[in-house]
Amino acid sequence: MLPTHNPLRVAEHAATLDHMLGGRLNVAFVRGYQARWGGYLVLADTQAQAEAWAHDCLWLWDTWSVPFGQGHPPLLIGDADTVSRRIEAARRHVPCNEVFFLFGQGLLERDKCLKTLELFAEKVMPRFQD
């Protein structure tokens, strides 16, 4: 993500670098003026159920990130009330209008992933409709 720069200057630098690399440069731009916040989401009907599901998938970070000093992303694990409180607490510290979440796709069973998304859409998102 780039800080705010003259877009023409950024394009000139990218074109120069692309030329130097023989046309192999790929560039992606995103809007960088909004704060974003996110984490790893495991949402279930109960706190205990969500923690059990999370246990099944946190091995990814424990195996591939923690040993290399990267740690876990922010964890949002729980029922709808718990997850909503965590999002609200984050919004008090980092006012943001966008959030992103990783969830158990590929790590959790399909039904658990669908349940996470369903609960988020039906019980968490409506609490943050401004």
N, C-alpha and C. Protein backbone atom coordinates (compact mmCIF):
# COMPACT_ATOMS: atom_id res chain seq x y z
N MET A 1 0.85 -1.16 0.00
CA MET A 1 0.00 0.00 0.00
C MET A 1 0.91 1.23 0.00
N LEU A 2 0.63 2.15 -0.86
CA LEU A 2 1.43 3.36 -0.97
C LEU A 2 0.82 4.49 -0.15
N PRO A 3 1.67 5.34 0.40
CA PRO A 3 1.11 6.55 0.97
C PRO A 3 0.60 7.42 -0.17
N THR A 4 -0.07 8.50 0.18
CA THR A 4 -0.60 9.38 -0.85
C THR A 4 0.56 10.05 -1.60
N HIS A 5 0.59 9.86 -2.89
CA HIS A 5 1.61 10.45 -3.76
C HIS A 5 0.91 10.98 -5.01
N ASN A 6 1.66 11.75 -5.75
CA ASN A 6 1.18 12.20 -7.04
C ASN A 6 1.02 10.95 -7.92
N PRO A 7 -0.20 10.66 -8.39
CA PRO A 7 -0.42 9.42 -9.16
C PRO A 7 0.40 9.36 -10.44
N LEU A 8 0.65 10.49 -11.05
CA LEU A 8 1.47 10.50 -12.27
C LEU A 8 2.90 10.09 -11.96
N ARG A 9 3.44 10.57 -10.86
CA ARG A 9 4.80 10.21 -10.46
C ARG A 9 4.89 8.71 -10.15
N VAL A 10 3.90 8.18 -9.47
CA VAL A 10 3.88 6.74 -9.16
C VAL A 10 3.85 5.95 -10.46
N ALA A 11 3.03 6.36 -11.41
CA ALA A 11 2.93 5.66 -12.70
C ALA A 11 4.26 5.72 -13.44
N GLU A 12 4.93 6.88 -13.42
CA GLU A 12 6.23 7.01 -14.08
C GLU A 12 7.27 6.06 -13.47
N HIS A 13 7.30 6.01 -12.15
CA HIS A 13 8.25 5.12 -11.47
C HIS A 13 7.95 3.66 -11.79
N ALA A 14 6.67 3.30 -11.78
CA ALA A 14 6.29 1.92 -12.10
C ALA A 14 6.66 1.58 -13.54
N ALA A 15 6.43 2.50 -14.47
CA ALA A 15 6.77 2.25 -15.87
C ALA A 15 8.27 2.09 -16.06
N THR A 16 9.05 2.91 -15.36
CA THR A 16 10.51 2.81 -15.45
C THR A 16 10.99 1.47 -14.90
N LEU A 17 10.48 1.09 -13.76
CA LEU A 17 10.87 -0.19 -13.16
C LEU A 17 10.44 -1.35 -14.05
N ASP A 18 9.24 -1.28 -14.63
CA ASP A 18 8.77 -2.33 -15.53
C ASP A 18 9.70 -2.46 -16.73
N HIS A 19 10.14 -1.33 -17.27
CA HIS A 19 11.06 -1.35 -18.41
C HIS A 19 12.39 -2.01 -18.01
N MET A 20 12.89 -1.65 -16.82
CA MET A 20 14.15 -2.21 -16.35
C MET A 20 14.04 -3.72 -16.11
N LEU A 21 12.86 -4.20 -15.78
CA LEU A 21 12.65 -5.62 -15.51
C LEU A 21 12.17 -6.39 -16.75
N GLY A 22 12.19 -5.74 -17.88
CA GLY A 22 11.81 -6.42 -19.12
C GLY A 22 10.33 -6.76 -19.20
N GLY A 23 9.49 -5.90 -18.63
CA GLY A 23 8.05 -6.09 -18.72
C GLY A 23 7.50 -7.11 -17.74
N ARG A 24 8.24 -7.41 -16.69
CA ARG A 24 7.78 -8.43 -15.74
C ARG A 24 7.21 -7.85 -14.45
N LEU A 25 7.03 -6.56 -14.35
CA LEU A 25 6.51 -5.95 -13.12
C LEU A 25 4.99 -6.03 -13.09
N ASN A 26 4.47 -6.48 -11.99
CA ASN A 26 3.04 -6.45 -11.73
C ASN A 26 2.80 -5.43 -10.63
N VAL A 27 1.83 -4.59 -10.82
CA VAL A 27 1.53 -3.56 -9.84
C VAL A 27 0.05 -3.65 -9.49
N ALA A 28 -0.26 -3.53 -8.20
CA ALA A 28 -1.65 -3.49 -7.75
C ALA A 28 -1.81 -2.28 -6.85
N PHE A 29 -2.91 -1.59 -6.98
CA PHE A 29 -3.17 -0.41 -6.17
C PHE A 29 -4.44 -0.63 -5.37
N VAL A 30 -4.43 -0.18 -4.15
CA VAL A 30 -5.61 -0.19 -3.31
C VAL A 30 -5.77 1.18 -2.70
N ARG A 31 -7.00 1.50 -2.31
CA ARG A 31 -7.21 2.76 -1.63
C ARG A 31 -6.57 2.66 -0.27
N GLY A 32 -5.76 3.61 0.07
CA GLY A 32 -5.02 3.51 1.31
C GLY A 32 -5.38 4.54 2.35
N TYR A 33 -6.43 5.27 2.16
CA TYR A 33 -6.73 6.34 3.11
C TYR A 33 -7.73 5.92 4.17
N GLN A 34 -8.27 4.73 4.09
CA GLN A 34 -9.20 4.26 5.11
C GLN A 34 -8.51 3.26 6.01
N ALA A 35 -8.83 3.33 7.28
CA ALA A 35 -8.30 2.33 8.21
C ALA A 35 -9.07 1.03 8.02
N ARG A 36 -8.35 -0.06 8.06
CA ARG A 36 -8.97 -1.37 7.95
C ARG A 36 -8.49 -2.20 9.13
N TRP A 37 -9.32 -3.13 9.53
CA TRP A 37 -8.97 -3.99 10.64
C TRP A 37 -9.53 -5.37 10.35
N GLY A 38 -8.88 -6.39 10.82
CA GLY A 38 -9.38 -7.73 10.59
C GLY A 38 -8.70 -8.75 11.45
N GLY A 39 -9.03 -9.99 11.21
CA GLY A 39 -8.46 -11.07 11.99
C GLY A 39 -8.99 -12.40 11.53
N TYR A 40 -8.81 -13.40 12.38
CA TYR A 40 -9.26 -14.75 12.08
C TYR A 40 -10.57 -14.99 12.82
N LEU A 41 -11.61 -15.34 12.09
CA LEU A 41 -12.96 -15.46 12.63
C LEU A 41 -13.39 -16.92 12.73
N VAL A 42 -13.80 -17.31 13.94
CA VAL A 42 -14.47 -18.59 14.15
C VAL A 42 -15.69 -18.26 15.00
N LEU A 43 -16.85 -18.42 14.41
CA LEU A 43 -18.11 -18.02 15.05
C LEU A 43 -19.03 -19.23 15.12
N ALA A 44 -19.56 -19.49 16.32
CA ALA A 44 -20.46 -20.63 16.52
C ALA A 44 -21.58 -20.21 17.46
N ASP A 45 -22.51 -21.11 17.69
CA ASP A 45 -23.64 -20.80 18.57
C ASP A 45 -23.21 -20.53 20.01
N THR A 46 -22.14 -21.19 20.46
CA THR A 46 -21.66 -20.99 21.82
C THR A 46 -20.16 -20.72 21.81
N GLN A 47 -19.69 -20.11 22.89
CA GLN A 47 -18.27 -19.84 23.04
C GLN A 47 -17.47 -21.14 23.03
N ALA A 48 -17.94 -22.14 23.78
CA ALA A 48 -17.23 -23.42 23.86
C ALA A 48 -17.13 -24.11 22.50
N GLN A 49 -18.21 -24.05 21.73
CA GLN A 49 -18.20 -24.67 20.41
C GLN A 49 -17.21 -23.95 19.49
N ALA A 50 -17.18 -22.64 19.53
CA ALA A 50 -16.24 -21.87 18.69
C ALA A 50 -14.80 -22.18 19.08
N GLU A 51 -14.53 -22.27 20.36
CA GLU A 51 -13.17 -22.58 20.81
C GLU A 51 -12.75 -23.98 20.36
N ALA A 52 -13.66 -24.92 20.39
CA ALA A 52 -13.34 -26.28 19.91
C ALA A 52 -13.05 -26.26 18.41
N TRP A 53 -13.86 -25.53 17.65
CA TRP A 53 -13.61 -25.42 16.21
C TRP A 53 -12.28 -24.74 15.95
N ALA A 54 -11.97 -23.69 16.69
CA ALA A 54 -10.73 -22.94 16.49
C ALA A 54 -9.52 -23.83 16.77
N HIS A 55 -9.63 -24.69 17.77
CA HIS A 55 -8.54 -25.58 18.10
C HIS A 55 -8.16 -26.43 16.89
N ASP A 56 -9.16 -26.81 16.10
CA ASP A 56 -8.92 -27.64 14.92
C ASP A 56 -8.16 -26.91 13.81
N CYS A 57 -8.16 -25.58 13.83
CA CYS A 57 -7.54 -24.87 12.70
C CYS A 57 -6.38 -23.95 13.09
N LEU A 58 -6.18 -23.66 14.35
CA LEU A 58 -5.08 -22.78 14.73
C LEU A 58 -3.72 -23.44 14.56
N TRP A 59 -3.70 -24.74 14.28
CA TRP A 59 -2.43 -25.41 14.02
C TRP A 59 -1.69 -24.75 12.86
N LEU A 60 -2.44 -24.13 11.94
CA LEU A 60 -1.81 -23.47 10.80
C LEU A 60 -0.81 -22.42 11.27
N TRP A 61 -1.26 -21.55 12.18
CA TRP A 61 -0.35 -20.52 12.68
C TRP A 61 0.68 -21.12 13.63
N ASP A 62 0.26 -22.05 14.45
CA ASP A 62 1.19 -22.65 15.40
C ASP A 62 2.33 -23.38 14.68
N THR A 63 2.04 -23.90 13.49
CA THR A 63 3.04 -24.65 12.72
C THR A 63 3.85 -23.77 11.78
N TRP A 64 3.18 -22.81 11.13
CA TRP A 64 3.83 -22.08 10.05
C TRP A 64 4.17 -20.63 10.36
N SER A 65 3.58 -20.03 11.37
CA SER A 65 3.86 -18.62 11.65
C SER A 65 4.58 -18.40 12.97
N VAL A 66 4.06 -18.99 14.03
CA VAL A 66 4.64 -18.78 15.36
C VAL A 66 6.12 -19.15 15.41
N PRO A 67 6.54 -20.31 14.85
CA PRO A 67 7.96 -20.64 14.92
C PRO A 67 8.87 -19.63 14.22
N PHE A 68 8.29 -18.83 13.32
CA PHE A 68 9.08 -17.85 12.59
C PHE A 68 8.86 -16.44 13.10
N GLY A 69 8.25 -16.33 14.29
CA GLY A 69 8.10 -15.03 14.95
C GLY A 69 6.94 -14.18 14.48
N GLN A 70 6.00 -14.73 13.73
CA GLN A 70 4.90 -13.92 13.23
C GLN A 70 3.67 -13.94 14.11
N GLY A 71 3.47 -14.97 14.89
CA GLY A 71 2.33 -15.02 15.78
C GLY A 71 1.00 -15.19 15.08
N HIS A 72 -0.05 -15.15 15.88
CA HIS A 72 -1.41 -15.27 15.35
C HIS A 72 -1.93 -13.91 14.89
N PRO A 73 -2.85 -13.90 13.93
CA PRO A 73 -3.56 -12.65 13.63
C PRO A 73 -4.51 -12.38 14.81
N PRO A 74 -5.14 -11.21 14.87
CA PRO A 74 -6.16 -11.01 15.90
C PRO A 74 -7.20 -12.13 15.79
N LEU A 75 -7.54 -12.72 16.91
CA LEU A 75 -8.47 -13.85 16.91
C LEU A 75 -9.84 -13.40 17.37
N LEU A 76 -10.85 -13.67 16.57
CA LEU A 76 -12.24 -13.41 16.92
C LEU A 76 -12.92 -14.76 16.99
N ILE A 77 -12.89 -15.34 18.16
CA ILE A 77 -13.39 -16.69 18.36
C ILE A 77 -14.46 -16.63 19.43
N GLY A 78 -15.68 -17.07 19.08
CA GLY A 78 -16.73 -17.08 20.07
C GLY A 78 -18.11 -17.09 19.47
N ASP A 79 -19.07 -16.73 20.31
CA ASP A 79 -20.45 -16.59 19.86
C ASP A 79 -20.65 -15.17 19.31
N ALA A 80 -21.84 -14.88 18.83
CA ALA A 80 -22.10 -13.58 18.20
C ALA A 80 -21.84 -12.41 19.16
N ASP A 81 -22.20 -12.55 20.42
CA ASP A 81 -21.99 -11.46 21.38
C ASP A 81 -20.50 -11.21 21.61
N THR A 82 -19.74 -12.26 21.78
CA THR A 82 -18.30 -12.13 22.02
C THR A 82 -17.60 -11.48 20.82
N VAL A 83 -17.90 -11.96 19.63
CA VAL A 83 -17.27 -11.42 18.42
C VAL A 83 -17.68 -9.96 18.22
N SER A 84 -18.94 -9.63 18.46
CA SER A 84 -19.40 -8.25 18.31
C SER A 84 -18.67 -7.32 19.28
N ARG A 85 -18.47 -7.78 20.52
CA ARG A 85 -17.74 -6.96 21.50
C ARG A 85 -16.30 -6.73 21.06
N ARG A 86 -15.66 -7.76 20.50
CA ARG A 86 -14.27 -7.60 20.03
C ARG A 86 -14.20 -6.60 18.88
N ILE A 87 -15.15 -6.67 17.95
CA ILE A 87 -15.15 -5.72 16.83
C ILE A 87 -15.39 -4.31 17.35
N GLU A 88 -16.33 -4.16 18.26
CA GLU A 88 -16.62 -2.83 18.81
C GLU A 88 -15.41 -2.27 19.55
N ALA A 89 -14.72 -3.09 20.31
CA ALA A 89 -13.51 -2.65 21.01
C ALA A 89 -12.44 -2.19 20.02
N ALA A 90 -12.27 -2.95 18.94
CA ALA A 90 -11.29 -2.57 17.92
C ALA A 90 -11.68 -1.24 17.27
N ARG A 91 -12.96 -1.05 17.00
CA ARG A 91 -13.42 0.19 16.37
C ARG A 91 -13.20 1.41 17.26
N ARG A 92 -13.22 1.21 18.58
CA ARG A 92 -12.94 2.34 19.49
C ARG A 92 -11.49 2.77 19.37
N HIS A 93 -10.59 1.82 19.13
CA HIS A 93 -9.16 2.13 19.04
C HIS A 93 -8.71 2.48 17.64
N VAL A 94 -9.33 1.86 16.65
CA VAL A 94 -8.98 2.10 15.24
C VAL A 94 -10.29 2.35 14.49
N PRO A 95 -10.74 3.61 14.45
CA PRO A 95 -11.98 3.87 13.71
C PRO A 95 -11.81 3.39 12.26
N CYS A 96 -12.68 2.50 11.84
CA CYS A 96 -12.55 1.94 10.50
C CYS A 96 -13.93 1.74 9.89
N ASN A 97 -13.95 1.76 8.58
CA ASN A 97 -15.21 1.51 7.90
C ASN A 97 -15.14 0.23 7.07
N GLU A 98 -14.04 -0.51 7.20
CA GLU A 98 -13.91 -1.79 6.51
C GLU A 98 -13.23 -2.78 7.45
N VAL A 99 -13.68 -4.00 7.41
CA VAL A 99 -13.02 -5.08 8.14
C VAL A 99 -12.84 -6.25 7.18
N PHE A 100 -11.88 -7.07 7.47
CA PHE A 100 -11.69 -8.29 6.69
C PHE A 100 -11.43 -9.42 7.68
N PHE A 101 -11.88 -10.59 7.34
CA PHE A 101 -11.68 -11.73 8.21
C PHE A 101 -11.26 -12.94 7.40
N LEU A 102 -10.30 -13.64 7.92
CA LEU A 102 -10.00 -14.98 7.45
C LEU A 102 -10.93 -15.90 8.22
N PHE A 103 -11.33 -16.99 7.64
CA PHE A 103 -12.12 -17.96 8.38
C PHE A 103 -11.66 -19.34 7.95
N GLY A 104 -12.29 -20.37 8.48
CA GLY A 104 -11.77 -21.72 8.37
C GLY A 104 -11.84 -22.41 7.03
N GLN A 105 -12.08 -21.69 5.96
CA GLN A 105 -12.18 -22.34 4.65
C GLN A 105 -10.91 -23.14 4.37
N GLY A 106 -11.08 -24.41 4.08
CA GLY A 106 -9.94 -25.27 3.83
C GLY A 106 -9.39 -25.92 5.07
N LEU A 107 -9.76 -25.41 6.24
CA LEU A 107 -9.30 -25.98 7.50
C LEU A 107 -10.43 -26.60 8.30
N LEU A 108 -11.58 -25.95 8.28
CA LEU A 108 -12.76 -26.46 8.98
C LEU A 108 -13.66 -27.19 8.00
N GLU A 109 -14.48 -28.05 8.52
CA GLU A 109 -15.47 -28.73 7.68
C GLU A 109 -16.41 -27.71 7.06
N ARG A 110 -16.95 -28.04 5.91
CA ARG A 110 -17.82 -27.13 5.15
C ARG A 110 -18.97 -26.59 6.01
N ASP A 111 -19.64 -27.45 6.77
CA ASP A 111 -20.78 -27.02 7.57
C ASP A 111 -20.38 -25.99 8.63
N LYS A 112 -19.19 -26.14 9.19
CA LYS A 112 -18.71 -25.18 10.19
C LYS A 112 -18.40 -23.84 9.55
N CYS A 113 -17.82 -23.86 8.36
CA CYS A 113 -17.55 -22.61 7.63
C CYS A 113 -18.86 -21.90 7.31
N LEU A 114 -19.83 -22.65 6.81
CA LEU A 114 -21.12 -22.05 6.47
C LEU A 114 -21.81 -21.49 7.72
N LYS A 115 -21.71 -22.20 8.83
CA LYS A 115 -22.32 -21.72 10.08
C LYS A 115 -21.65 -20.43 10.53
N THR A 116 -20.33 -20.34 10.42
CA THR A 116 -19.61 -19.11 10.77
C THR A 116 -20.11 -17.94 9.93
N LEU A 117 -20.21 -18.14 8.63
CA LEU A 117 -20.66 -17.07 7.74
C LEU A 117 -22.12 -16.70 7.99
N GLU A 118 -22.96 -17.70 8.23
CA GLU A 118 -24.38 -17.45 8.49
C GLU A 118 -24.56 -16.63 9.78
N LEU A 119 -23.89 -17.02 10.84
CA LEU A 119 -24.00 -16.28 12.10
C LEU A 119 -23.46 -14.86 11.97
N PHE A 120 -22.37 -14.72 11.23
CA PHE A 120 -21.81 -13.38 11.05
C PHE A 120 -22.80 -12.48 10.30
N ALA A 121 -23.38 -13.02 9.22
CA ALA A 121 -24.32 -12.23 8.42
C ALA A 121 -25.60 -11.91 9.18
N GLU A 122 -26.09 -12.86 9.96
CA GLU A 122 -27.40 -12.68 10.60
C GLU A 122 -27.33 -12.05 11.99
N LYS A 123 -26.24 -12.27 12.73
CA LYS A 123 -26.23 -11.82 14.12
C LYS A 123 -25.17 -10.79 14.45
N VAL A 124 -24.12 -10.70 13.64
CA VAL A 124 -23.05 -9.74 13.94
C VAL A 124 -23.18 -8.51 13.05
N MET A 125 -23.22 -8.70 11.75
CA MET A 125 -23.26 -7.56 10.82
C MET A 125 -24.40 -6.57 11.11
N PRO A 126 -25.60 -7.03 11.42
CA PRO A 126 -26.68 -6.06 11.68
C PRO A 126 -26.39 -5.10 12.82
N ARG A 127 -25.52 -5.48 13.73
CA ARG A 127 -25.17 -4.60 14.87
C ARG A 127 -24.29 -3.42 14.44
N PHE A 128 -23.72 -3.49 13.25
CA PHE A 128 -22.80 -2.45 12.80
C PHE A 128 -23.30 -1.71 11.57
N GLN A 129 -24.59 -1.77 11.32
CA GLN A 129 -25.18 -1.03 10.21
C GLN A 129 -25.37 0.40 10.67
N ASP A 130 -24.62 1.30 10.14
CA ASP A 130 -24.70 2.72 10.54
C ASP A 130 -25.82 3.42 9.85
